Amino acid sequence: MEQLDVRVMIGSLRKDSYNRKVFENSHDLVPDSMALTEIPIWELPLFNQEIQVNPTPVIERFWGAVREADAILFISPEYNYSVPGVLKNAIDWASRPPGSAPIVGKPGAILGASDGRSGTMRMQLHMRSFLPCLDMAIMPKPEVFIMSVGEVIDREGRLHDDRIRGQLIGFYEAFEHWIRRIKHMP
């Protein structure tokens, strides 16, 4: 079976963010037929159509990474009941240029971790409201909202909660099936 190349956008710039820790712990939880690779979004300038006309090497690399992906996974915190600006900026860049935007039509999924009790529910709801306009097929279920994340990731950055690990394993198995279904891959 062909290995799926899943590219990941992490919605936090903080080096030690909980969402980055979720990503780092996920490599051992995904099926063998799936590989996760981060797409750096911290290098991107704020979206500007004038730059789009003459894209910088950073933007060209970003577009290439999105284009090469079999699917896009968004792992993000929730800021002010919504999507962090850095992640929205990356999605805006990935939706350009019109007619050849690399993110259009990609299968995708969303998960997130938060110290709060909502576990990124509102952020995920907002993303689900605008990603379909990019013709993205966002996996509807299972949903993963990691609440009180500081209690499930230790000081060394290890995800030690077996219940959450099990949720992530189920999420990644479902995501693999979703991608293959959407892409009609064997």
C-alpha atoms as a PDB file:
ATOM      1  CA  MET A   1       0.000   0.000   0.000  1.00  0.00           C
ATOM      2  CA  GLU A   2       1.320   3.432  -0.960  1.00  0.00           C
ATOM      3  CA  GLN A   3       2.445   5.563   1.977  1.00  0.00           C
ATOM      4  CA  LEU A   4       0.378   8.713   2.399  1.00  0.00           C
ATOM      5  CA  ASP A   5       2.257  12.005   2.674  1.00  0.00           C
ATOM      6  CA  VAL A   6       0.281  14.078   5.179  1.00  0.00           C
ATOM      7  CA  ARG A   7       1.515  17.629   5.630  1.00  0.00           C
ATOM      8  CA  VAL A   8       0.781  19.341   8.936  1.00  0.00           C
ATOM      9  CA  MET A   9       0.199  23.007   9.704  1.00  0.00           C
ATOM     10  CA  ILE A  10       0.609  23.785  13.398  1.00  0.00           C
ATOM     11  CA  GLY A  11      -1.341  26.852  14.486  1.00  0.00           C
ATOM     12  CA  SER A  12       1.071  27.974  17.191  1.00  0.00           C
ATOM     13  CA  LEU A  13       4.447  29.618  16.743  1.00  0.00           C
ATOM     14  CA  ARG A  14       5.656  28.732  20.231  1.00  0.00           C
ATOM     15  CA  LYS A  15       8.492  26.188  20.096  1.00  0.00           C
ATOM     16  CA  ASP A  16       7.148  24.305  23.117  1.00  0.00           C
ATOM     17  CA  SER A  17       3.459  24.660  22.348  1.00  0.00           C
ATOM     18  CA  TYR A  18       1.160  21.853  23.399  1.00  0.00           C
ATOM     19  CA  ASN A  19      -0.065  21.479  19.829  1.00  0.00           C
ATOM     20  CA  ARG A  20       3.514  21.014  18.628  1.00  0.00           C
ATOM     21  CA  LYS A  21       3.903  18.351  21.360  1.00  0.00           C
ATOM     22  CA  VAL A  22       0.769  16.612  20.081  1.00  0.00           C
ATOM     23  CA  PHE A  23       2.329  16.611  16.591  1.00  0.00           C
ATOM     24  CA  GLU A  24       5.657  15.288  17.907  1.00  0.00           C
ATOM     25  CA  ASN A  25       3.905  12.497  19.827  1.00  0.00           C
ATOM     26  CA  SER A  26       1.753  11.602  16.807  1.00  0.00           C
ATOM     27  CA  HIS A  27       4.539  10.016  14.752  1.00  0.00           C
ATOM     28  CA  ASP A  28       4.280   6.862  16.889  1.00  0.00           C
ATOM     29  CA  LEU A  29       0.478   6.832  16.690  1.00  0.00           C
ATOM     30  CA  VAL A  30      -0.138   7.044  12.941  1.00  0.00           C
ATOM     31  CA  PRO A  31      -0.515   3.922  10.801  1.00  0.00           C
ATOM     32  CA  ASP A  32       2.697   2.707   9.122  1.00  0.00           C
ATOM     33  CA  SER A  33       1.143   3.665   5.784  1.00  0.00           C
ATOM     34  CA  MET A  34       1.065   7.359   6.749  1.00  0.00           C
ATOM     35  CA  ALA A  35       3.849   9.888   7.328  1.00  0.00           C
ATOM     36  CA  LEU A  36       3.401  13.286   8.970  1.00  0.00           C
ATOM     37  CA  THR A  37       5.605  16.193   7.904  1.00  0.00           C
ATOM     38  CA  GLU A  38       5.297  19.735   9.201  1.00  0.00           C
ATOM     39  CA  ILE A  39       4.914  22.593   6.757  1.00  0.00           C
ATOM     40  CA  PRO A  40       6.628  25.603   8.353  1.00  0.00           C
ATOM     41  CA  ILE A  41       4.221  28.515   8.493  1.00  0.00           C
ATOM     42  CA  TRP A  42       6.209  30.840  10.752  1.00  0.00           C
ATOM     43  CA  GLU A  43       8.301  32.072   7.812  1.00  0.00           C
ATOM     44  CA  LEU A  44       5.334  33.295   5.772  1.00  0.00           C
ATOM     45  CA  PRO A  45       4.770  37.044   5.467  1.00  0.00           C
ATOM     46  CA  LEU A  46       1.297  38.406   6.069  1.00  0.00           C
ATOM     47  CA  PHE A  47      -0.797  37.670   3.014  1.00  0.00           C
ATOM     48  CA  ASN A  48      -0.462  40.391   0.397  1.00  0.00           C
ATOM     49  CA  GLN A  49      -1.675  40.097  -3.185  1.00  0.00           C
ATOM     50  CA  GLU A  50       1.229  42.229  -4.381  1.00  0.00           C
ATOM     51  CA  ILE A  51       3.681  39.615  -3.040  1.00  0.00           C
ATOM     52  CA  GLN A  52       1.572  36.860  -4.613  1.00  0.00           C
ATOM     53  CA  VAL A  53       2.346  38.266  -8.064  1.00  0.00           C
ATOM     54  CA  ASN A  54       6.113  37.956  -7.431  1.00  0.00           C
ATOM     55  CA  PRO A  55       6.314  35.262  -4.722  1.00  0.00           C
ATOM     56  CA  THR A  56       9.397  34.958  -2.553  1.00  0.00           C
ATOM     57  CA  PRO A  57      11.307  31.651  -2.254  1.00  0.00           C
ATOM     58  CA  VAL A  58       9.608  31.083   1.133  1.00  0.00           C
ATOM     59  CA  ILE A  59       6.180  31.292  -0.488  1.00  0.00           C
ATOM     60  CA  GLU A  60       7.244  29.101  -3.420  1.00  0.00           C
ATOM     61  CA  ARG A  61       8.528  26.424  -0.980  1.00  0.00           C
ATOM     62  CA  PHE A  62       5.305  26.648   1.023  1.00  0.00           C
ATOM     63  CA  TRP A  63       3.162  26.251  -2.103  1.00  0.00           C
ATOM     64  CA  GLY A  64       5.294  23.301  -3.177  1.00  0.00           C
ATOM     65  CA  ALA A  65       4.940  21.568   0.191  1.00  0.00           C
ATOM     66  CA  VAL A  66       1.158  21.963   0.127  1.00  0.00           C
ATOM     67  CA  ARG A  67       0.947  20.852  -3.516  1.00  0.00           C
ATOM     68  CA  GLU A  68       3.003  17.673  -2.829  1.00  0.00           C
ATOM     69  CA  ALA A  69       0.784  16.604   0.082  1.00  0.00           C
ATOM     70  CA  ASP A  70      -1.748  13.827  -0.186  1.00  0.00           C
ATOM     71  CA  ALA A  71      -3.686  15.579   2.587  1.00  0.00           C
ATOM     72  CA  ILE A  72      -3.425  18.453   5.057  1.00  0.00           C
ATOM     73  CA  LEU A  73      -3.751  18.094   8.826  1.00  0.00           C
ATOM     74  CA  PHE A  74      -4.324  21.178  10.954  1.00  0.00           C
ATOM     75  CA  ILE A  75      -3.214  20.903  14.598  1.00  0.00           C
ATOM     76  CA  SER A  76      -4.002  24.108  16.408  1.00  0.00           C
ATOM     77  CA  PRO A  77      -4.917  25.856  19.613  1.00  0.00           C
ATOM     78  CA  GLU A  78      -7.908  28.158  19.877  1.00  0.00           C
ATOM     79  CA  TYR A  79      -7.267  31.884  20.251  1.00  0.00           C
ATOM     80  CA  ASN A  80     -10.145  34.142  21.293  1.00  0.00           C
ATOM     81  CA  TYR A  81     -12.746  31.519  20.323  1.00  0.00           C
ATOM     82  CA  SER A  82     -11.324  31.180  16.817  1.00  0.00           C
ATOM     83  CA  VAL A  83      -8.453  30.268  14.486  1.00  0.00           C
ATOM     84  CA  PRO A  84      -5.004  31.663  15.347  1.00  0.00           C
ATOM     85  CA  GLY A  85      -4.008  34.404  12.923  1.00  0.00           C
ATOM     86  CA  VAL A  86      -0.816  32.634  11.854  1.00  0.00           C
ATOM     87  CA  LEU A  87      -2.798  29.574  10.734  1.00  0.00           C
ATOM     88  CA  LYS A  88      -5.418  31.645   8.916  1.00  0.00           C
ATOM     89  CA  ASN A  89      -2.590  33.504   7.164  1.00  0.00           C
ATOM     90  CA  ALA A  90      -1.080  30.193   6.008  1.00  0.00           C
ATOM     91  CA  ILE A  91      -4.448  29.011   4.714  1.00  0.00           C
ATOM     92  CA  ASP A  92      -4.854  32.311   2.844  1.00  0.00           C
ATOM     93  CA  TRP A  93      -1.438  31.790   1.198  1.00  0.00           C
ATOM     94  CA  ALA A  94      -2.293  28.152   0.366  1.00  0.00           C
ATOM     95  CA  SER A  95      -5.506  29.324  -1.331  1.00  0.00           C
ATOM     96  CA  ARG A  96      -3.504  31.373  -3.862  1.00  0.00           C
ATOM     97  CA  PRO A  97      -3.021  31.966  -6.708  1.00  0.00           C
ATOM     98  CA  PRO A  98      -6.562  31.633  -8.021  1.00  0.00           C
ATOM     99  CA  GLY A  99      -6.891  28.813 -10.510  1.00  0.00           C
ATOM    100  CA  SER A 100      -3.837  26.914  -9.252  1.00  0.00           C
ATOM    101  CA  ALA A 101      -4.047  27.135  -5.451  1.00  0.00           C
ATOM    102  CA  PRO A 102      -2.249  24.114  -3.963  1.00  0.00           C
ATOM    103  CA  ILE A 103      -4.721  23.502  -1.128  1.00  0.00           C
ATOM    104  CA  VAL A 104      -7.853  23.353  -3.284  1.00  0.00           C
ATOM    105  CA  GLY A 105      -9.407  19.894  -3.335  1.00  0.00           C
ATOM    106  CA  LYS A 106      -7.136  18.351  -0.701  1.00  0.00           C
ATOM    107  CA  PRO A 107      -8.534  15.995   1.921  1.00  0.00           C
ATOM    108  CA  GLY A 108      -8.023  17.406   5.405  1.00  0.00           C
ATOM    109  CA  ALA A 109      -8.597  16.979   9.108  1.00  0.00           C
ATOM    110  CA  ILE A 110      -8.478  19.166  12.196  1.00  0.00           C
ATOM    111  CA  LEU A 111      -7.498  18.491  15.784  1.00  0.00           C
ATOM    112  CA  GLY A 112      -6.364  20.657  18.626  1.00  0.00           C
ATOM    113  CA  ALA A 113      -5.255  20.891  22.222  1.00  0.00           C
ATOM    114  CA  SER A 114      -5.980  23.514  24.822  1.00  0.00           C
ATOM    115  CA  ASP A 115      -5.573  24.075  28.541  1.00  0.00           C
ATOM    116  CA  GLY A 116      -9.217  25.101  28.584  1.00  0.00           C
ATOM    117  CA  ARG A 117     -12.344  23.023  28.920  1.00  0.00           C
ATOM    118  CA  SER A 118     -13.564  23.447  25.336  1.00  0.00           C
ATOM    119  CA  GLY A 119     -10.462  21.821  23.842  1.00  0.00           C
ATOM    120  CA  THR A 120     -10.545  23.918  20.610  1.00  0.00           C
ATOM    121  CA  MET A 121     -14.165  23.149  19.715  1.00  0.00           C
ATOM    122  CA  ARG A 122     -14.900  26.695  18.535  1.00  0.00           C
ATOM    123  CA  MET A 123     -11.689  26.950  16.486  1.00  0.00           C
ATOM    124  CA  GLN A 124     -12.509  23.683  14.764  1.00  0.00           C
ATOM    125  CA  LEU A 125     -16.071  24.812  14.086  1.00  0.00           C
ATOM    126  CA  HIS A 126     -14.777  28.014  12.474  1.00  0.00           C
ATOM    127  CA  MET A 127     -12.339  26.083  10.299  1.00  0.00           C
ATOM    128  CA  ARG A 128     -15.120  23.728   9.224  1.00  0.00           C
ATOM    129  CA  SER A 129     -17.128  26.761   8.125  1.00  0.00           C
ATOM    130  CA  PHE A 130     -14.535  28.183   5.707  1.00  0.00           C
ATOM    131  CA  LEU A 131     -12.342  25.284   4.517  1.00  0.00           C
ATOM    132  CA  PRO A 132     -15.107  23.848   2.273  1.00  0.00           C
ATOM    133  CA  CYS A 133     -14.949  27.034   0.164  1.00  0.00           C
ATOM    134  CA  LEU A 134     -11.508  25.744  -0.863  1.00  0.00           C
ATOM    135  CA  ASP A 135     -13.125  22.496  -1.974  1.00  0.00           C
ATOM    136  CA  MET A 136     -11.353  20.727   0.892  1.00  0.00           C
ATOM    137  CA  ALA A 137     -12.947  17.498   2.036  1.00  0.00           C
ATOM    138  CA  ILE A 138     -12.609  17.818   5.821  1.00  0.00           C
ATOM    139  CA  MET A 139     -13.018  14.579   7.761  1.00  0.00           C
ATOM    140  CA  PRO A 140     -16.203  14.967   9.838  1.00  0.00           C
ATOM    141  CA  LYS A 141     -15.566  12.280  12.471  1.00  0.00           C
ATOM    142  CA  PRO A 142     -13.956  11.384  14.769  1.00  0.00           C
ATOM    143  CA  GLU A 143     -13.328  14.754  16.354  1.00  0.00           C
ATOM    144  CA  VAL A 144     -10.463  15.230  18.803  1.00  0.00           C
ATOM    145  CA  PHE A 145     -10.597  18.092  21.288  1.00  0.00           C
ATOM    146  CA  ILE A 146      -7.799  17.640  23.810  1.00  0.00           C
ATOM    147  CA  MET A 147      -8.907  19.489  26.951  1.00  0.00           C
ATOM    148  CA  SER A 148      -6.732  20.376  29.950  1.00  0.00           C
ATOM    149  CA  VAL A 149      -3.726  19.430  27.840  1.00  0.00           C
ATOM    150  CA  GLY A 150      -1.242  20.358  30.583  1.00  0.00           C
ATOM    151  CA  GLU A 151      -2.479  17.322  32.494  1.00  0.00           C
ATOM    152  CA  VAL A 152      -1.837  14.826  29.663  1.00  0.00           C
ATOM    153  CA  ILE A 153       1.581  16.021  28.438  1.00  0.00           C
ATOM    154  CA  ASP A 154       4.451  15.833  30.929  1.00  0.00           C
ATOM    155  CA  ARG A 155       7.406  18.219  31.364  1.00  0.00           C
ATOM    156  CA  GLU A 156       9.468  16.223  28.869  1.00  0.00           C
ATOM    157  CA  GLY A 157       6.739  16.692  26.256  1.00  0.00           C
ATOM    158  CA  ARG A 158       5.458  13.106  26.317  1.00  0.00           C
ATOM    159  CA  LEU A 159       1.774  12.385  25.881  1.00  0.00           C
ATOM    160  CA  HIS A 160       1.189   9.996  28.775  1.00  0.00           C
ATOM    161  CA  ASP A 161      -2.611   9.712  28.830  1.00  0.00           C
ATOM    162  CA  ASP A 162      -3.670   6.364  27.324  1.00  0.00           C
ATOM    163  CA  ARG A 163      -7.222   7.582  26.673  1.00  0.00           C
ATOM    164  CA  ILE A 164      -5.966  10.500  24.553  1.00  0.00           C
ATOM    165  CA  ARG A 165      -3.399   8.274  22.832  1.00  0.00           C
ATOM    166  CA  GLY A 166      -6.246   5.894  21.935  1.00  0.00           C
ATOM    167  CA  GLN A 167      -8.351   8.774  20.589  1.00  0.00           C
ATOM    168  CA  LEU A 168      -5.448   9.908  18.411  1.00  0.00           C
ATOM    169  CA  ILE A 169      -4.805   6.385  17.109  1.00  0.00           C
ATOM    170  CA  GLY A 170      -8.482   6.107  16.125  1.00  0.00           C
ATOM    171  CA  PHE A 171      -8.368   9.594  14.579  1.00  0.00           C
ATOM    172  CA  TYR A 172      -5.307   8.771  12.453  1.00  0.00           C
ATOM    173  CA  GLU A 173      -6.717   5.409  11.332  1.00  0.00           C
ATOM    174  CA  ALA A 174      -9.947   7.132  10.293  1.00  0.00           C
ATOM    175  CA  PHE A 175      -7.969   9.886   8.554  1.00  0.00           C
ATOM    176  CA  GLU A 176      -6.041   7.325   6.516  1.00  0.00           C
ATOM    177  CA  HIS A 177      -9.315   5.746   5.359  1.00  0.00           C
ATOM    178  CA  TRP A 178     -10.769   9.197   4.651  1.00  0.00           C
ATOM    179  CA  ILE A 179      -7.796  10.230   2.495  1.00  0.00           C
ATOM    180  CA  ARG A 180      -7.840   6.996   0.499  1.00  0.00           C
ATOM    181  CA  ARG A 181     -11.597   7.283   0.019  1.00  0.00           C
ATOM    182  CA  ILE A 182     -11.369  10.884  -1.165  1.00  0.00           C
ATOM    183  CA  LYS A 183      -8.354  10.235  -3.401  1.00  0.00           C
ATOM    184  CA  HIS A 184      -9.759   6.860  -4.590  1.00  0.00           C
ATOM    185  CA  MET A 185      -6.484   5.175  -3.769  1.00  0.00           C
ATOM    186  CA  PRO A 186      -6.206   1.414  -3.242  1.00  0.00           C
END
